[in-house]
Amino acid sequence: MKKLLSLTLAMVMLFSMFAGCTKEEPVTTTAAPATEAGKPTEATTAAPEKIRTDIIIADTTDIKTLDPHAANDGYSARVFNQIYDPLMKQTADLEVAPALAESWEFKSDTEIIFYIRKGVKFHNGDELKASDVKFSIDRMVASPSVKSYFDKITEVTVIDDYTVSVKTSEPYAPLMFNLAGTYGSIVSEKAITEAGDKYNENPIGTGPMKFKEWAANDHVTVVRNDDYWRGTPKATSITIRVIPEDSSRTIALQAGDVDFLQATPAVDVARIMEDDSLKTETYLSQSAQYIGFNCKKAPFDNVKVRQALNYAVDRQTIVDVVLEGKGQVISTVLAPDMPGANNEIDYYPYDVEKAKTLLAEAGYPDGFTASIMVYGDANNKIGQLVQSDFAKIGVELNVELTEFGAMLEYLNLGEHDMYTLSYGAAGNPDSTFSNVYHGSSSAASGNRSYYSNPEVDKLIDEARVTMEWEDREPIYQKMQELIMQDAPIIPLYSEQKYYAMNANMEGYTISKNAKHDFYNAYIVEK
């Protein structure tokens, strides 16, 4: 007998308490002809002279792909969030709520039955069916980029057009949260099969917005889906512009050229808050900024070298300079607000002499030369500050500024020395541990430090099958101790996120996972 949805959601919540440069002219990819972008909603028809519904967002970095199963980076995910829907949706407060699955029941600890919402249409007009769900989940399991979220899934069975069974090899605590992420997006089997390698030219989802065009390194534009199953969105279009330079994003916002800053420069926050034409929203991010080592490459294959470099970095100065003090120093692999964070760990306080001693013990009394790959203004500043810190212990660090996508591709080759990135699927520590620190995880999945410790792997696997949070949290605490003893990274900070926007912007939803909803957003023009 099907359980009541309220009971099911309660169970799910227990499971889910667990991450000015010049450029060439862009090459523009445009969708195949489709229906008209969208007819005005009742609100826009009533007062068209007062409401603007074309929303422009500024971000720092271009997306990697329009295929939700081919990447797990945050930049691409923000676009996936507009085009696609998953079975369940992470709410703004990171709870799991129904989406394409209107309800579900747990047949056992290893089988879930999903009841698919009827009448949902893909952007090509086809109705969503259980076969699309099976195709999508099977595709997730096979994807090098996202399979670590779904690798416990052993069988997906279509029961009828609107019912799907998902079985796992063992109880798997993070599964519902993972299926609710953008990497759990449901795609059209027909669209994927027919498009083949050209799917990026016209991605098809069930989401509130339809793809219009992607001009590489310049912008992505999506337009309103009139037939969206939740109701016709208010926004007629959403354009995400790529503006890497911090000051240029702020200038564009103040000039009215963009409506929202996905990444607000810390140095500009005070000035923005004094501008009556703008407003901000803020929260402490659950994402952790860090420097990663290539643990399979000398001298970083030596744990004492990695520990020495941890002691050498003045994290507080980085927070003060890069974030204008608007953040929190971290000493473990999770941000302090992430469930399961072991905030008692402080193995590597700033200590230049201790760093020198460890380098000498490791066989590098005179230091060595290395390079660090960075992208964007903030990471470049981090690189410069760490360069200065390392010089004090005899380590010469070359800072290599590059484009985000190119950097990820190079890191996947395993030839790098060091790099700086951030991670943290908000609310879900398993995402960080399984993707970044499990020895079986690939660089494409997130393990760009090529870190492996069988004892840590065992704890990660144990946590994934431990269904009760009070039993799982101590496992996360212990694995953080082991990881930080191995020091595959230098944890830096958790940022106080500020989202600056047009003061007259309404209808948006800010989410703790940084995948905000803009499909009902509009600007009140006075």
Protein backbone atom coordinates (compact mmCIF):
# COMPACT_ATOMS: atom_id res chain seq x y z
CA MET A 1 0.00 0.00 0.00
CA LYS A 2 1.43 3.38 -0.96
CA LYS A 3 2.64 5.38 2.04
CA LEU A 4 1.32 8.85 2.61
CA LEU A 5 3.63 11.45 1.09
CA SER A 6 4.05 13.22 4.41
CA LEU A 7 5.47 10.07 5.95
CA THR A 8 7.73 9.54 2.99
CA LEU A 9 9.06 13.09 3.15
CA ALA A 10 9.84 12.65 6.81
CA MET A 11 11.93 9.60 5.96
CA VAL A 12 13.65 11.47 3.15
CA MET A 13 14.62 14.27 5.52
CA LEU A 14 16.37 11.75 7.75
CA PHE A 15 18.26 10.45 4.72
CA SER A 16 19.19 13.87 3.33
CA MET A 17 20.73 15.59 6.36
CA PHE A 18 24.10 14.79 5.18
CA ALA A 19 29.28 20.74 -2.01
CA GLY A 20 39.43 42.84 -18.29
CA CYS A 21 40.86 39.93 -20.27
CA THR A 22 40.67 39.99 -24.02
CA LYS A 23 39.02 37.07 -25.74
CA GLU A 24 38.17 35.85 -29.20
CA GLU A 25 34.77 36.56 -30.68
CA PRO A 26 32.39 33.93 -29.25
CA VAL A 27 31.12 31.09 -31.39
CA THR A 28 27.35 31.08 -30.91
CA THR A 29 25.29 27.89 -30.71
CA THR A 30 21.58 28.49 -31.32
CA ALA A 31 18.71 26.11 -30.69
CA ALA A 32 16.74 24.62 -33.52
CA PRO A 33 13.49 26.50 -34.27
CA ALA A 34 10.92 25.99 -31.54
CA THR A 35 7.72 27.56 -30.34
CA GLU A 36 7.54 31.30 -29.65
CA ALA A 37 9.56 32.30 -26.57
CA GLY A 38 6.40 32.86 -24.56
CA LYS A 39 3.19 34.79 -24.42
CA PRO A 40 2.82 37.42 -21.68
CA THR A 41 1.54 36.18 -18.35
CA GLU A 42 -1.45 37.79 -16.71
CA ALA A 43 0.88 39.91 -14.57
CA THR A 44 2.85 41.28 -17.53
CA THR A 45 -0.32 41.87 -19.57
CA ALA A 46 -1.89 43.85 -16.73
CA ALA A 47 0.95 46.35 -16.43
CA PRO A 48 3.53 45.89 -19.20
CA GLU A 49 4.87 49.41 -18.72
CA LYS A 50 5.79 48.64 -15.08
CA ILE A 51 7.18 45.09 -15.29
CA ARG A 52 10.33 43.93 -17.07
CA THR A 53 10.67 40.18 -17.44
CA ASP A 54 13.96 39.70 -19.28
CA ILE A 55 16.42 38.91 -16.47
CA ILE A 56 20.18 39.34 -16.89
CA ILE A 57 22.59 37.65 -14.47
CA ALA A 58 26.37 38.12 -14.30
CA ASP A 59 28.63 35.19 -13.41
CA THR A 60 32.40 34.81 -13.39
CA THR A 61 32.87 31.72 -15.52
CA ASP A 62 31.36 30.03 -18.54
CA ILE A 63 29.55 26.71 -18.32
CA LYS A 64 31.21 23.48 -19.47
CA THR A 65 28.23 21.81 -21.10
CA LEU A 66 24.44 21.81 -21.43
CA ASP A 67 24.30 18.08 -20.68
CA PRO A 68 23.48 17.64 -16.96
CA HIS A 69 25.14 14.23 -16.81
CA ALA A 70 28.41 15.43 -18.32
CA ALA A 71 29.56 17.85 -15.60
CA ASN A 72 29.21 18.49 -11.88
CA ASP A 73 30.57 22.04 -11.68
CA GLY A 74 28.48 24.78 -10.12
CA TYR A 75 28.54 27.10 -13.14
CA SER A 76 26.93 24.55 -15.44
CA ALA A 77 24.53 23.47 -12.69
CA ARG A 78 23.02 26.96 -12.51
CA VAL A 79 21.92 26.62 -16.13
CA PHE A 80 20.80 22.99 -15.67
CA ASN A 81 18.55 24.29 -12.89
CA GLN A 82 16.65 26.43 -15.40
CA ILE A 83 16.34 23.87 -18.22
CA TYR A 84 15.77 20.59 -16.39
CA ASP A 85 13.89 19.08 -13.45
CA PRO A 86 14.97 16.14 -11.27
CA LEU A 87 12.63 13.60 -9.68
CA MET A 88 12.78 15.57 -6.43
CA LYS A 89 13.81 19.17 -5.88
CA GLN A 90 16.12 20.64 -3.27
CA THR A 91 14.28 23.54 -1.70
CA ALA A 92 15.95 26.84 -0.79
CA ASP A 93 16.59 25.39 2.68
CA LEU A 94 17.97 22.14 1.20
CA GLU A 95 15.01 19.95 2.04
CA VAL A 96 13.85 17.34 -0.48
CA ALA A 97 10.44 17.99 -2.05
CA PRO A 98 8.46 16.40 -4.92
CA ALA A 99 9.20 17.50 -8.48
CA LEU A 100 8.80 15.14 -11.46
CA ALA A 101 8.04 12.40 -8.96
CA GLU A 102 4.85 13.44 -7.20
CA SER A 103 5.37 10.77 -4.53
CA TRP A 104 7.44 7.69 -3.70
CA GLU A 105 7.55 4.79 -1.29
CA PHE A 106 10.33 2.70 0.20
CA LYS A 107 9.58 -0.94 -0.55
CA SER A 108 12.68 -1.92 1.43
CA ASP A 109 16.04 -0.48 2.46
CA THR A 110 17.23 -1.11 -1.10
CA GLU A 111 14.21 -0.35 -3.30
CA ILE A 112 12.25 2.84 -3.91
CA ILE A 113 9.15 3.15 -6.09
CA PHE A 114 8.72 6.54 -7.78
CA TYR A 115 5.31 7.68 -9.03
CA ILE A 116 5.87 10.04 -11.97
CA ARG A 117 3.76 13.15 -12.43
CA LYS A 118 1.36 12.79 -15.37
CA GLY A 119 1.07 15.33 -18.18
CA VAL A 120 4.57 16.82 -17.86
CA LYS A 121 5.88 17.89 -21.27
CA PHE A 122 9.46 18.07 -22.51
CA HIS A 123 10.38 21.20 -24.43
CA ASN A 124 9.93 19.26 -27.69
CA GLY A 125 6.28 18.57 -26.78
CA ASP A 126 6.70 14.91 -25.84
CA GLU A 127 5.21 13.74 -22.55
CA LEU A 128 7.58 12.61 -19.82
CA LYS A 129 7.33 8.85 -19.30
CA ALA A 130 8.87 6.34 -16.93
CA SER A 131 11.10 5.16 -19.78
CA ASP A 132 12.77 8.61 -19.82
CA VAL A 133 13.39 8.31 -16.09
CA LYS A 134 15.01 4.90 -16.49
CA PHE A 135 17.08 6.14 -19.43
CA SER A 136 18.24 9.16 -17.42
CA ILE A 137 19.21 7.23 -14.28
CA ASP A 138 21.02 4.55 -16.28
CA ARG A 139 22.89 7.37 -18.01
CA MET A 140 23.83 8.95 -14.65
CA VAL A 141 25.21 5.64 -13.41
CA ALA A 142 27.37 5.32 -16.55
CA SER A 143 28.65 8.92 -16.58
CA PRO A 144 32.28 9.49 -15.49
CA SER A 145 31.30 12.95 -14.24
CA VAL A 146 28.35 12.08 -11.98
CA LYS A 147 28.36 8.29 -11.48
CA SER A 148 29.85 8.59 -7.98
CA TYR A 149 26.51 10.04 -6.82
CA PHE A 150 24.63 7.00 -8.12
CA ASP A 151 27.08 4.09 -8.10
CA LYS A 152 25.02 2.06 -5.62
CA ILE A 153 22.12 1.87 -8.08
CA THR A 154 21.99 -1.64 -9.54
CA GLU A 155 18.66 -1.78 -11.35
CA VAL A 156 16.03 0.62 -12.71
CA THR A 157 12.76 -0.99 -13.82
CA VAL A 158 9.81 0.56 -15.64
CA ILE A 159 6.64 -0.75 -13.98
CA ASP A 160 4.27 1.25 -16.18
CA ASP A 161 4.30 4.61 -17.98
CA TYR A 162 4.29 6.54 -14.69
CA THR A 163 5.96 4.18 -12.22
CA VAL A 164 9.64 3.33 -11.80
CA SER A 165 11.50 1.05 -9.38
CA VAL A 166 15.07 1.95 -8.35
CA LYS A 167 17.13 -0.68 -6.54
CA THR A 168 20.50 -0.26 -4.83
CA SER A 169 23.12 -2.84 -3.91
CA GLU A 170 22.81 -1.88 -0.24
CA PRO A 171 21.12 0.80 1.88
CA TYR A 172 22.36 4.13 0.55
CA ALA A 173 21.74 7.16 2.77
CA PRO A 174 22.57 9.99 0.28
CA LEU A 175 20.54 8.65 -2.65
CA MET A 176 17.43 10.81 -2.32
CA PHE A 177 19.48 13.97 -1.85
CA ASN A 178 21.62 13.08 -4.86
CA LEU A 179 18.61 12.40 -7.07
CA ALA A 180 17.30 15.84 -6.09
CA GLY A 181 20.45 17.59 -7.38
CA THR A 182 20.96 19.04 -10.84
CA TYR A 183 23.13 16.01 -11.69
CA GLY A 184 19.91 14.02 -11.16
CA SER A 185 18.16 15.91 -13.98
CA ILE A 186 15.77 13.90 -16.12
CA VAL A 187 16.40 14.10 -19.87
CA SER A 188 14.43 13.05 -22.94
CA GLU A 189 15.54 9.67 -24.25
CA LYS A 190 14.33 10.62 -27.72
CA ALA A 191 16.18 13.95 -27.75
CA ILE A 192 19.45 12.42 -26.54
CA THR A 193 19.27 9.50 -28.94
CA GLU A 194 18.40 11.60 -31.98
CA ALA A 195 20.93 14.38 -31.28
CA GLY A 196 23.89 12.18 -30.39
CA ASP A 197 27.06 14.26 -30.17
CA LYS A 198 25.11 17.40 -31.14
CA TYR A 199 22.92 17.42 -28.02
CA ASN A 200 24.62 20.61 -26.78
CA GLU A 201 23.14 22.45 -29.75
CA ASN A 202 19.56 21.97 -28.53
CA PRO A 203 19.20 20.47 -25.04
CA ILE A 204 15.71 19.35 -24.09
CA GLY A 205 14.36 19.29 -20.54
CA THR A 206 11.09 19.73 -18.68
CA GLY A 207 12.23 22.82 -16.77
CA PRO A 208 10.74 26.32 -16.56
CA MET A 209 13.03 27.70 -19.26
CA LYS A 210 13.94 26.48 -22.74
CA PHE A 211 17.38 26.77 -24.32
CA LYS A 212 17.86 29.57 -26.84
CA GLU A 213 21.61 30.04 -27.33
CA TRP A 214 25.06 29.59 -25.87
CA ALA A 215 27.78 32.01 -26.99
CA ALA A 216 30.92 30.43 -25.56
CA ASN A 217 32.67 32.58 -22.94
CA ASP A 218 30.07 35.31 -23.42
CA HIS A 219 26.53 34.28 -22.41
CA VAL A 220 23.84 31.64 -22.18
CA THR A 221 20.21 32.57 -22.83
CA VAL A 222 17.09 30.56 -21.98
CA VAL A 223 13.48 31.58 -22.69
CA ARG A 224 10.14 30.91 -21.05
CA ASN A 225 8.51 27.48 -21.25
CA ASP A 226 4.81 28.31 -21.62
CA ASP A 227 3.86 24.69 -20.88
CA TYR A 228 5.81 24.33 -17.65
CA TRP A 229 4.01 21.89 -15.36
CA ARG A 230 4.21 24.23 -12.35
CA GLY A 231 2.60 27.03 -14.36
CA THR A 232 3.80 29.59 -16.89
CA PRO A 233 6.88 31.40 -15.53
CA LYS A 234 6.87 35.19 -15.22
CA ALA A 235 10.37 35.61 -16.66
CA THR A 236 10.32 35.69 -20.47
CA SER A 237 14.08 35.14 -20.68
CA ILE A 238 17.10 34.64 -18.46
CA THR A 239 20.56 35.50 -19.76
CA ILE A 240 23.70 34.57 -17.83
CA ARG A 241 26.58 36.80 -18.94
CA VAL A 242 30.19 35.77 -18.36
CA ILE A 243 32.07 38.69 -16.77
CA PRO A 244 35.31 37.38 -15.22
CA GLU A 245 36.60 40.72 -13.90
CA ASP A 246 35.23 41.58 -10.46
CA SER A 247 35.08 45.34 -10.98
CA SER A 248 33.40 44.95 -14.36
CA ARG A 249 30.54 42.93 -12.83
CA THR A 250 29.89 45.61 -10.23
CA ILE A 251 30.02 48.38 -12.82
CA ALA A 252 27.55 46.47 -15.01
CA LEU A 253 25.13 46.10 -12.08
CA GLN A 254 25.30 49.75 -11.10
CA ALA A 255 24.84 50.80 -14.71
CA GLY A 256 21.73 48.65 -15.03
CA ASP A 257 23.29 46.38 -17.65
CA VAL A 258 22.72 43.31 -15.44
CA ASP A 259 20.14 42.64 -12.74
CA PHE A 260 21.89 40.15 -10.45
CA LEU A 261 25.47 39.23 -9.48
CA GLN A 262 26.02 35.53 -8.96
CA ALA A 263 29.41 36.42 -7.47
CA THR A 264 29.59 39.80 -5.74
CA PRO A 265 33.17 41.03 -5.20
CA ALA A 266 33.81 41.38 -1.46
CA VAL A 267 35.65 44.65 -2.03
CA ASP A 268 32.49 46.17 -3.54
CA VAL A 269 29.92 45.00 -0.96
CA ALA A 270 30.02 48.18 1.16
CA ARG A 271 29.64 50.41 -1.89
CA ILE A 272 26.76 48.32 -3.22
CA MET A 273 24.96 48.42 0.13
CA GLU A 274 25.11 52.22 0.07
CA ASP A 275 23.47 52.35 -3.37
CA ASP A 276 19.70 52.82 -3.04
CA SER A 277 19.15 51.36 -6.49
CA LEU A 278 20.56 48.00 -5.34
CA LYS A 279 19.96 45.44 -2.59
CA THR A 280 21.77 42.38 -1.25
CA GLU A 281 21.04 39.02 0.36
CA THR A 282 23.68 37.13 2.33
CA TYR A 283 24.51 33.84 4.07
CA LEU A 284 27.64 31.85 5.05
CA SER A 285 28.40 29.49 2.20
CA GLN A 286 28.60 25.74 2.73
CA SER A 287 31.28 25.65 0.04
CA ALA A 288 34.94 25.29 1.06
CA GLN A 289 37.72 27.13 -0.78
CA TYR A 290 40.93 25.12 -0.84
CA ILE A 291 44.31 24.51 -2.45
CA GLY A 292 44.83 20.98 -3.73
CA PHE A 293 48.07 19.06 -4.18
CA ASN A 294 48.77 16.38 -6.77
CA CYS A 295 49.47 13.61 -4.27
CA LYS A 296 50.89 11.24 -6.88
CA LYS A 297 53.59 13.67 -8.04
CA ALA A 298 56.85 14.54 -6.26
CA PRO A 299 57.37 16.37 -3.97
CA PHE A 300 53.66 16.38 -3.09
CA ASP A 301 53.64 12.60 -2.72
CA ASN A 302 55.50 13.25 0.55
CA VAL A 303 53.07 13.87 3.42
CA LYS A 304 55.59 16.02 5.29
CA VAL A 305 55.83 18.38 2.31
CA ARG A 306 52.05 18.73 2.23
CA GLN A 307 51.95 19.31 5.99
CA ALA A 308 54.74 21.88 5.76
CA LEU A 309 52.89 23.86 3.12
CA ASN A 310 49.75 23.80 5.28
CA TYR A 311 51.71 25.40 8.13
CA ALA A 312 53.16 27.97 5.71
CA VAL A 313 49.85 29.55 4.62
CA ASP A 314 48.46 32.54 6.51
CA ARG A 315 44.75 31.80 6.03
CA GLN A 316 43.50 34.81 7.98
CA THR A 317 45.40 37.20 5.72
CA ILE A 318 43.82 35.50 2.70
CA VAL A 319 40.35 36.06 4.19
CA ASP A 320 41.19 39.67 5.02
CA VAL A 321 42.62 40.48 1.59
CA VAL A 322 40.56 38.36 -0.81
CA LEU A 323 37.23 38.58 1.04
CA GLU A 324 37.70 41.90 2.83
CA GLY A 325 37.20 39.88 6.02
CA LYS A 326 33.81 38.61 4.83
CA GLY A 327 34.38 34.93 5.45
CA GLN A 328 35.65 32.38 7.94
CA VAL A 329 38.97 30.56 8.08
CA ILE A 330 38.53 26.78 7.94
CA SER A 331 40.89 24.04 9.10
CA THR A 332 39.12 20.94 7.84
CA VAL A 333 37.74 19.73 4.53
CA LEU A 334 34.16 20.92 5.18
CA ALA A 335 32.80 24.43 5.58
CA PRO A 336 31.70 25.12 9.19
CA ASP A 337 27.98 25.24 8.34
CA MET A 338 28.05 21.95 6.43
CA PRO A 339 26.37 19.11 8.36
CA GLY A 340 29.07 16.87 9.83
CA ALA A 341 31.87 19.45 9.82
CA ASN A 342 34.52 18.72 12.46
CA ASN A 343 35.24 22.28 13.53
CA GLU A 344 37.47 21.12 16.41
CA ILE A 345 40.28 20.25 14.01
CA ASP A 346 43.15 22.76 13.90
CA TYR A 347 46.21 20.76 12.91
CA TYR A 348 48.02 23.46 10.95
CA PRO A 349 48.09 26.91 12.57
CA TYR A 350 50.24 29.45 10.74
CA ASP A 351 53.82 28.54 11.76
CA VAL A 352 56.68 29.38 9.39
CA GLU A 353 59.36 27.70 11.52
CA LYS A 354 57.37 24.48 11.79
CA ALA A 355 56.96 24.53 8.02
CA LYS A 356 60.73 24.90 7.51
CA THR A 357 61.43 22.03 9.91
CA LEU A 358 59.04 19.68 8.12
CA LEU A 359 60.49 20.60 4.71
CA ALA A 360 63.96 19.78 5.96
CA GLU A 361 62.76 16.45 7.37
CA ALA A 362 61.19 15.69 4.00
CA GLY A 363 64.52 16.27 2.26
CA TYR A 364 63.91 19.80 0.96
CA PRO A 365 65.84 22.10 3.34
CA ASP A 366 66.32 24.63 0.54
CA GLY A 367 62.78 24.35 -0.76
CA PHE A 368 61.78 23.64 -4.38
CA THR A 369 59.95 25.19 -7.32
CA ALA A 370 56.32 24.44 -8.12
CA SER A 371 53.30 25.92 -9.89
CA ILE A 372 49.69 26.55 -8.93
CA MET A 373 46.83 26.77 -11.42
CA VAL A 374 44.17 29.40 -10.72
CA TYR A 375 41.22 31.02 -12.49
CA GLY A 376 39.39 34.29 -11.93
CA ASP A 377 40.28 37.36 -9.91
CA ALA A 378 39.75 35.94 -6.42
CA ASN A 379 41.74 32.77 -7.05
CA ASN A 380 44.51 34.78 -8.68
CA LYS A 381 44.76 36.87 -5.50
CA ILE A 382 44.93 33.66 -3.46
CA GLY A 383 47.76 32.45 -5.67
CA GLN A 384 49.73 35.68 -5.21
CA LEU A 385 49.35 35.60 -1.41
CA VAL A 386 50.35 31.93 -1.18
CA GLN A 387 53.31 32.67 -3.45
CA SER A 388 54.48 35.23 -0.89
CA ASP A 389 53.90 32.82 2.03
CA PHE A 390 55.83 30.00 0.35
CA ALA A 391 58.77 32.29 -0.43
CA LYS A 392 59.33 32.57 3.35
CA ILE A 393 60.16 28.83 3.50
CA GLY A 394 62.21 28.72 0.30
CA VAL A 395 59.49 27.41 -2.03
CA GLU A 396 59.25 29.29 -5.34
CA LEU A 397 55.66 29.20 -6.56
CA ASN A 398 54.65 30.14 -10.10
CA VAL A 399 51.04 31.30 -10.43
CA GLU A 400 49.39 30.18 -13.69
CA LEU A 401 46.15 32.04 -14.44
CA THR A 402 43.90 30.17 -16.88
CA GLU A 403 40.28 29.73 -17.96
CA PHE A 404 38.13 27.53 -15.73
CA GLY A 405 37.18 24.84 -18.26
CA ALA A 406 40.73 24.57 -19.60
CA MET A 407 42.03 24.26 -16.05
CA LEU A 408 39.67 21.37 -15.24
CA GLU A 409 40.68 19.56 -18.41
CA TYR A 410 44.36 19.91 -17.48
CA LEU A 411 43.79 18.78 -13.90
CA ASN A 412 42.12 15.65 -15.26
CA LEU A 413 45.41 14.74 -16.96
CA GLY A 414 47.16 14.48 -13.59
CA GLU A 415 50.24 16.47 -14.60
CA HIS A 416 49.70 19.52 -12.36
CA ASP A 417 51.43 20.47 -9.11
CA MET A 418 48.79 22.49 -7.24
CA TYR A 419 45.51 24.24 -7.94
CA THR A 420 42.83 26.23 -6.15
CA LEU A 421 39.12 25.39 -6.33
CA SER A 422 36.06 25.18 -4.12
CA TYR A 423 33.60 22.37 -3.46
CA GLY A 424 30.63 21.49 -1.30
CA ALA A 425 27.21 20.25 -2.40
CA ALA A 426 25.28 22.19 0.23
CA GLY A 427 23.71 20.00 2.90
CA ASN A 428 25.37 16.82 1.60
CA PRO A 429 28.83 15.95 3.02
CA ASP A 430 28.80 12.62 1.20
CA SER A 431 29.18 14.50 -2.07
CA THR A 432 32.49 15.96 -0.92
CA PHE A 433 33.87 12.78 0.60
CA SER A 434 32.77 10.38 -2.14
CA ASN A 435 33.77 12.59 -5.05
CA VAL A 436 36.90 14.30 -3.75
CA TYR A 437 38.45 11.91 -1.22
CA HIS A 438 37.47 8.35 -2.14
CA GLY A 439 40.34 6.50 -3.79
CA SER A 440 38.04 5.12 -6.49
CA SER A 441 36.87 8.58 -7.56
CA SER A 442 38.38 9.98 -10.74
CA ALA A 443 39.68 13.48 -11.33
CA ALA A 444 36.63 14.13 -13.52
CA SER A 445 34.41 13.32 -10.54
CA GLY A 446 36.37 15.63 -8.24
CA ASN A 447 39.44 13.78 -6.92
CA ARG A 448 41.89 16.15 -8.57
CA SER A 449 44.38 15.64 -5.74
CA TYR A 450 44.58 11.95 -6.69
CA TYR A 451 44.23 11.17 -3.00
CA SER A 452 43.78 7.64 -1.70
CA ASN A 453 43.69 6.20 1.81
CA PRO A 454 42.04 2.76 2.24
CA GLU A 455 41.02 3.61 5.81
CA VAL A 456 39.26 6.77 4.62
CA ASP A 457 37.60 4.82 1.80
CA LYS A 458 36.27 2.34 4.35
CA LEU A 459 34.77 5.13 6.46
CA ILE A 460 33.18 6.81 3.42
CA ASP A 461 31.60 3.51 2.40
CA GLU A 462 30.40 2.92 5.95
CA ALA A 463 28.79 6.38 6.15
CA ARG A 464 26.91 5.83 2.91
CA VAL A 465 25.07 2.81 4.27
CA THR A 466 24.46 4.24 7.75
CA MET A 467 20.92 5.56 7.54
CA GLU A 468 20.57 7.36 10.89
CA TRP A 469 22.26 10.76 11.07
CA GLU A 470 23.28 10.41 14.72
CA ASP A 471 25.22 7.28 13.74
CA ARG A 472 26.61 8.72 10.52
CA GLU A 473 27.91 12.04 11.86
CA PRO A 474 30.70 10.51 14.04
CA ILE A 475 31.96 8.66 10.96
CA TYR A 476 32.29 11.97 9.09
CA GLN A 477 34.10 13.45 12.10
CA LYS A 478 36.66 10.63 12.13
CA MET A 479 37.33 10.66 8.39
CA GLN A 480 38.09 14.40 8.53
CA GLU A 481 40.78 13.73 11.14
CA LEU A 482 42.43 11.14 8.88
CA ILE A 483 42.20 13.27 5.76
CA MET A 484 43.70 16.32 7.44
CA GLN A 485 46.53 14.23 8.87
CA ASP A 486 47.29 13.20 5.27
CA ALA A 487 46.90 16.86 4.17
CA PRO A 488 45.96 16.36 0.49
CA ILE A 489 44.68 19.95 0.49
CA ILE A 490 45.16 23.27 2.26
CA PRO A 491 41.68 24.32 3.46
CA LEU A 492 41.33 28.09 3.22
CA TYR A 493 37.93 29.60 3.96
CA SER A 494 34.16 29.58 3.78
CA GLU A 495 32.87 32.74 2.15
CA GLN A 496 30.13 35.00 3.42
CA LYS A 497 28.09 35.07 0.23
CA TYR A 498 26.57 38.35 -0.89
CA TYR A 499 24.15 38.42 -3.79
CA ALA A 500 23.71 41.94 -5.12
CA MET A 501 20.81 42.82 -7.38
CA ASN A 502 18.51 45.49 -8.74
CA ALA A 503 16.52 46.82 -5.76
CA ASN A 504 13.31 46.38 -7.77
CA MET A 505 13.89 42.71 -8.54
CA GLU A 506 11.13 40.43 -7.24
CA GLY A 507 9.99 36.82 -7.60
CA TYR A 508 13.42 35.17 -7.28
CA THR A 509 14.40 32.46 -4.77
CA ILE A 510 17.86 32.40 -3.19
CA SER A 511 19.02 28.87 -2.36
CA LYS A 512 21.81 27.75 -0.03
CA ASN A 513 23.16 25.56 -2.84
CA ALA A 514 23.70 28.68 -5.03
CA LYS A 515 21.36 27.28 -7.70
CA HIS A 516 18.85 30.08 -7.42
CA ASP A 517 15.46 30.17 -9.15
CA PHE A 518 14.80 33.12 -11.44
CA TYR A 519 11.99 31.78 -13.61
CA ASN A 520 9.40 33.85 -11.74
CA ALA A 521 11.67 36.86 -11.39
CA TYR A 522 10.81 40.31 -12.74
CA ILE A 523 11.88 43.93 -12.39
CA VAL A 524 9.37 46.50 -11.20
CA GLU A 525 10.10 49.58 -13.30
CA LYS A 526 9.17 52.80 -11.53
